[in-house]
Amino acid sequence: MVRTQIQLDEKQLQALRQSSSETGRSIADLVRESVELYLSSRKRPSREEQIQRALAASGKFASGTTDTSARHDRYLSEAFGE
């Protein structure tokens, strides 16, 4: 682990102290968990994973039309009211 220094306002520190007291976990542990949750919520799938997801979804749904590939512009225009 790497030691670092952060600055918190009084309200944040008080909330962390309270949570630390209630859970028996250190403030540092709570901060590490918070950072991990933040970073994982912002994680975006790789380009390869995006491609694999798109390929997996391809063909799984039916529109009821047989000429979608030829008239997609018209259908999009109608769908968006243009």
N, C-alpha and C. Protein backbone atom coordinates (compact mmCIF):
# COMPACT_ATOMS: atom_id res chain seq x y z
N MET A 1 0.84 -1.19 0.00
CA MET A 1 0.00 0.00 0.00
C MET A 1 0.88 1.25 0.00
N VAL A 2 0.32 2.29 -0.51
CA VAL A 2 1.02 3.56 -0.59
C VAL A 2 0.35 4.53 0.37
N ARG A 3 1.16 5.19 1.17
CA ARG A 3 0.62 6.18 2.10
C ARG A 3 0.34 7.47 1.35
N THR A 4 -0.81 8.07 1.62
CA THR A 4 -1.16 9.33 1.00
C THR A 4 -1.88 10.20 2.02
N GLN A 5 -2.00 11.45 1.71
CA GLN A 5 -2.65 12.37 2.63
C GLN A 5 -3.82 13.04 1.91
N ILE A 6 -4.95 13.13 2.59
CA ILE A 6 -6.12 13.80 2.02
C ILE A 6 -6.64 14.81 3.04
N GLN A 7 -7.43 15.72 2.54
CA GLN A 7 -8.06 16.70 3.43
C GLN A 7 -9.56 16.52 3.35
N LEU A 8 -10.18 16.47 4.53
CA LEU A 8 -11.62 16.33 4.64
C LEU A 8 -12.17 17.52 5.40
N ASP A 9 -13.43 17.85 5.14
CA ASP A 9 -14.02 18.89 5.98
C ASP A 9 -14.49 18.24 7.29
N GLU A 10 -14.83 19.05 8.26
CA GLU A 10 -15.18 18.55 9.60
C GLU A 10 -16.35 17.57 9.56
N LYS A 11 -17.33 17.86 8.74
CA LYS A 11 -18.51 17.01 8.64
C LYS A 11 -18.16 15.62 8.11
N GLN A 12 -17.29 15.58 7.08
CA GLN A 12 -16.86 14.30 6.52
C GLN A 12 -16.08 13.48 7.54
N LEU A 13 -15.16 14.14 8.24
CA LEU A 13 -14.36 13.44 9.23
C LEU A 13 -15.22 12.92 10.37
N GLN A 14 -16.17 13.72 10.82
CA GLN A 14 -17.06 13.28 11.89
C GLN A 14 -17.88 12.07 11.46
N ALA A 15 -18.38 12.08 10.23
CA ALA A 15 -19.15 10.95 9.72
C ALA A 15 -18.28 9.70 9.62
N LEU A 16 -17.04 9.86 9.18
CA LEU A 16 -16.13 8.72 9.11
C LEU A 16 -15.81 8.18 10.50
N ARG A 17 -15.58 9.07 11.45
CA ARG A 17 -15.31 8.62 12.83
C ARG A 17 -16.49 7.85 13.40
N GLN A 18 -17.69 8.34 13.13
CA GLN A 18 -18.90 7.68 13.60
C GLN A 18 -19.03 6.29 12.98
N SER A 19 -18.83 6.22 11.69
CA SER A 19 -18.92 4.94 10.99
C SER A 19 -17.83 3.98 11.46
N SER A 20 -16.64 4.50 11.69
CA SER A 20 -15.54 3.70 12.20
C SER A 20 -15.87 3.12 13.56
N SER A 21 -16.43 3.94 14.41
CA SER A 21 -16.82 3.50 15.76
C SER A 21 -17.91 2.43 15.70
N GLU A 22 -18.89 2.63 14.81
CA GLU A 22 -20.01 1.69 14.71
C GLU A 22 -19.60 0.35 14.11
N THR A 23 -18.66 0.37 13.17
CA THR A 23 -18.30 -0.85 12.46
C THR A 23 -17.04 -1.53 12.99
N GLY A 24 -16.26 -0.79 13.77
CA GLY A 24 -15.00 -1.34 14.25
C GLY A 24 -13.92 -1.36 13.19
N ARG A 25 -14.12 -0.64 12.12
CA ARG A 25 -13.14 -0.57 11.04
C ARG A 25 -12.40 0.77 11.12
N SER A 26 -11.18 0.77 10.62
CA SER A 26 -10.40 2.00 10.65
C SER A 26 -10.94 2.99 9.63
N ILE A 27 -10.64 4.26 9.88
CA ILE A 27 -11.01 5.30 8.92
C ILE A 27 -10.32 5.04 7.59
N ALA A 28 -9.06 4.64 7.63
CA ALA A 28 -8.33 4.35 6.40
C ALA A 28 -9.02 3.25 5.60
N ASP A 29 -9.50 2.22 6.28
CA ASP A 29 -10.20 1.12 5.60
C ASP A 29 -11.49 1.62 4.96
N LEU A 30 -12.21 2.46 5.66
CA LEU A 30 -13.45 3.02 5.11
C LEU A 30 -13.17 3.90 3.89
N VAL A 31 -12.10 4.68 3.95
CA VAL A 31 -11.74 5.53 2.83
C VAL A 31 -11.33 4.67 1.64
N ARG A 32 -10.53 3.62 1.86
CA ARG A 32 -10.14 2.72 0.77
C ARG A 32 -11.37 2.09 0.12
N GLU A 33 -12.31 1.63 0.94
CA GLU A 33 -13.53 1.04 0.39
C GLU A 33 -14.32 2.06 -0.43
N SER A 34 -14.40 3.29 0.06
CA SER A 34 -15.12 4.34 -0.66
C SER A 34 -14.46 4.64 -1.99
N VAL A 35 -13.15 4.71 -2.02
CA VAL A 35 -12.43 4.97 -3.26
C VAL A 35 -12.67 3.82 -4.24
N GLU A 36 -12.61 2.58 -3.75
CA GLU A 36 -12.84 1.42 -4.62
C GLU A 36 -14.24 1.43 -5.21
N LEU A 37 -15.24 1.76 -4.40
CA LEU A 37 -16.61 1.84 -4.89
C LEU A 37 -16.75 2.92 -5.95
N TYR A 38 -16.14 4.06 -5.71
CA TYR A 38 -16.18 5.16 -6.68
C TYR A 38 -15.53 4.74 -8.00
N LEU A 39 -14.35 4.15 -7.92
CA LEU A 39 -13.63 3.76 -9.13
C LEU A 39 -14.37 2.66 -9.89
N SER A 40 -14.93 1.70 -9.20
CA SER A 40 -15.64 0.63 -9.88
C SER A 40 -16.93 1.13 -10.53
N SER A 41 -17.54 2.17 -9.96
CA SER A 41 -18.76 2.71 -10.56
C SER A 41 -18.47 3.47 -11.84
N ARG A 42 -17.24 3.91 -12.03
CA ARG A 42 -16.85 4.67 -13.22
C ARG A 42 -16.17 3.80 -14.27
N LYS A 43 -15.98 2.54 -13.93
CA LYS A 43 -15.28 1.63 -14.84
C LYS A 43 -16.12 1.39 -16.09
N ARG A 44 -15.51 1.56 -17.22
CA ARG A 44 -16.18 1.36 -18.49
C ARG A 44 -15.64 0.07 -19.12
N PRO A 45 -16.50 -0.66 -19.80
CA PRO A 45 -16.02 -1.87 -20.46
C PRO A 45 -15.02 -1.53 -21.57
N SER A 46 -14.08 -2.42 -21.79
CA SER A 46 -13.09 -2.22 -22.85
C SER A 46 -13.79 -2.25 -24.20
N ARG A 47 -13.10 -1.76 -25.20
CA ARG A 47 -13.65 -1.76 -26.57
C ARG A 47 -14.01 -3.18 -26.98
N GLU A 48 -13.12 -4.12 -26.68
CA GLU A 48 -13.37 -5.53 -27.02
C GLU A 48 -14.62 -6.06 -26.32
N GLU A 49 -14.80 -5.71 -25.04
CA GLU A 49 -15.99 -6.15 -24.32
C GLU A 49 -17.25 -5.52 -24.90
N GLN A 50 -17.18 -4.26 -25.30
CA GLN A 50 -18.32 -3.61 -25.92
C GLN A 50 -18.71 -4.32 -27.23
N ILE A 51 -17.71 -4.69 -28.00
CA ILE A 51 -17.97 -5.40 -29.26
C ILE A 51 -18.61 -6.75 -28.98
N GLN A 52 -18.07 -7.46 -28.00
CA GLN A 52 -18.63 -8.78 -27.66
C GLN A 52 -20.08 -8.67 -27.18
N ARG A 53 -20.37 -7.65 -26.39
CA ARG A 53 -21.76 -7.44 -25.93
C ARG A 53 -22.69 -7.15 -27.10
N ALA A 54 -22.23 -6.32 -28.02
CA ALA A 54 -23.05 -5.98 -29.19
C ALA A 54 -23.30 -7.22 -30.05
N LEU A 55 -22.27 -8.02 -30.25
CA LEU A 55 -22.43 -9.24 -31.04
C LEU A 55 -23.37 -10.23 -30.35
N ALA A 56 -23.29 -10.31 -29.04
CA ALA A 56 -24.16 -11.22 -28.29
C ALA A 56 -25.61 -10.79 -28.38
N ALA A 57 -25.87 -9.49 -28.45
CA ALA A 57 -27.25 -8.99 -28.52
C ALA A 57 -27.81 -9.03 -29.93
N SER A 58 -26.91 -9.06 -30.90
CA SER A 58 -27.33 -9.02 -32.31
C SER A 58 -28.19 -10.23 -32.65
N GLY A 59 -29.36 -9.93 -33.23
CA GLY A 59 -30.26 -10.99 -33.66
C GLY A 59 -31.17 -11.54 -32.59
N LYS A 60 -31.10 -11.00 -31.38
CA LYS A 60 -31.91 -11.51 -30.27
C LYS A 60 -33.31 -10.91 -30.22
N PHE A 61 -33.56 -9.90 -31.01
CA PHE A 61 -34.84 -9.20 -30.95
C PHE A 61 -35.45 -9.16 -32.36
N ALA A 62 -36.77 -9.15 -32.41
CA ALA A 62 -37.47 -9.09 -33.69
C ALA A 62 -38.32 -7.84 -33.76
N SER A 63 -38.22 -7.12 -34.88
CA SER A 63 -38.99 -5.89 -35.04
C SER A 63 -40.32 -6.14 -35.74
N GLY A 64 -40.43 -7.28 -36.40
CA GLY A 64 -41.64 -7.56 -37.16
C GLY A 64 -41.55 -7.08 -38.59
N THR A 65 -40.49 -6.40 -38.95
CA THR A 65 -40.30 -5.97 -40.33
C THR A 65 -39.19 -6.80 -40.97
N THR A 66 -39.24 -6.92 -42.26
CA THR A 66 -38.23 -7.73 -42.95
C THR A 66 -37.28 -6.88 -43.78
N ASP A 67 -37.51 -5.56 -43.82
CA ASP A 67 -36.68 -4.69 -44.64
C ASP A 67 -35.94 -3.64 -43.82
N THR A 68 -35.68 -3.93 -42.56
CA THR A 68 -35.06 -2.95 -41.67
C THR A 68 -33.69 -2.50 -42.17
N SER A 69 -32.89 -3.44 -42.64
CA SER A 69 -31.54 -3.05 -43.07
C SER A 69 -31.58 -2.13 -44.29
N ALA A 70 -32.57 -2.28 -45.13
CA ALA A 70 -32.66 -1.44 -46.33
C ALA A 70 -33.33 -0.10 -46.05
N ARG A 71 -34.23 -0.05 -45.06
CA ARG A 71 -35.00 1.18 -44.83
C ARG A 71 -34.79 1.74 -43.41
N HIS A 72 -33.64 1.48 -42.83
CA HIS A 72 -33.38 1.90 -41.45
C HIS A 72 -33.52 3.40 -41.25
N ASP A 73 -33.09 4.21 -42.21
CA ASP A 73 -33.20 5.67 -42.07
C ASP A 73 -34.66 6.09 -41.94
N ARG A 74 -35.51 5.52 -42.74
CA ARG A 74 -36.94 5.85 -42.68
C ARG A 74 -37.52 5.47 -41.32
N TYR A 75 -37.19 4.25 -40.86
CA TYR A 75 -37.74 3.80 -39.58
C TYR A 75 -37.24 4.66 -38.41
N LEU A 76 -35.99 5.05 -38.46
CA LEU A 76 -35.46 5.92 -37.41
C LEU A 76 -36.14 7.28 -37.45
N SER A 77 -36.33 7.82 -38.62
CA SER A 77 -37.00 9.10 -38.77
C SER A 77 -38.42 9.04 -38.21
N GLU A 78 -39.12 7.97 -38.52
CA GLU A 78 -40.49 7.80 -37.99
C GLU A 78 -40.47 7.64 -36.48
N ALA A 79 -39.53 6.88 -35.97
CA ALA A 79 -39.45 6.62 -34.53
C ALA A 79 -39.18 7.90 -33.74
N PHE A 80 -38.36 8.80 -34.31
CA PHE A 80 -38.00 10.02 -33.61
C PHE A 80 -38.84 11.21 -34.04
N GLY A 81 -39.86 10.95 -34.84
CA GLY A 81 -40.80 12.00 -35.22
C GLY A 81 -40.20 13.09 -36.08
N GLU A 82 -39.30 12.76 -36.92
CA GLU A 82 -38.65 13.76 -37.76
C GLU A 82 -39.31 13.86 -39.11
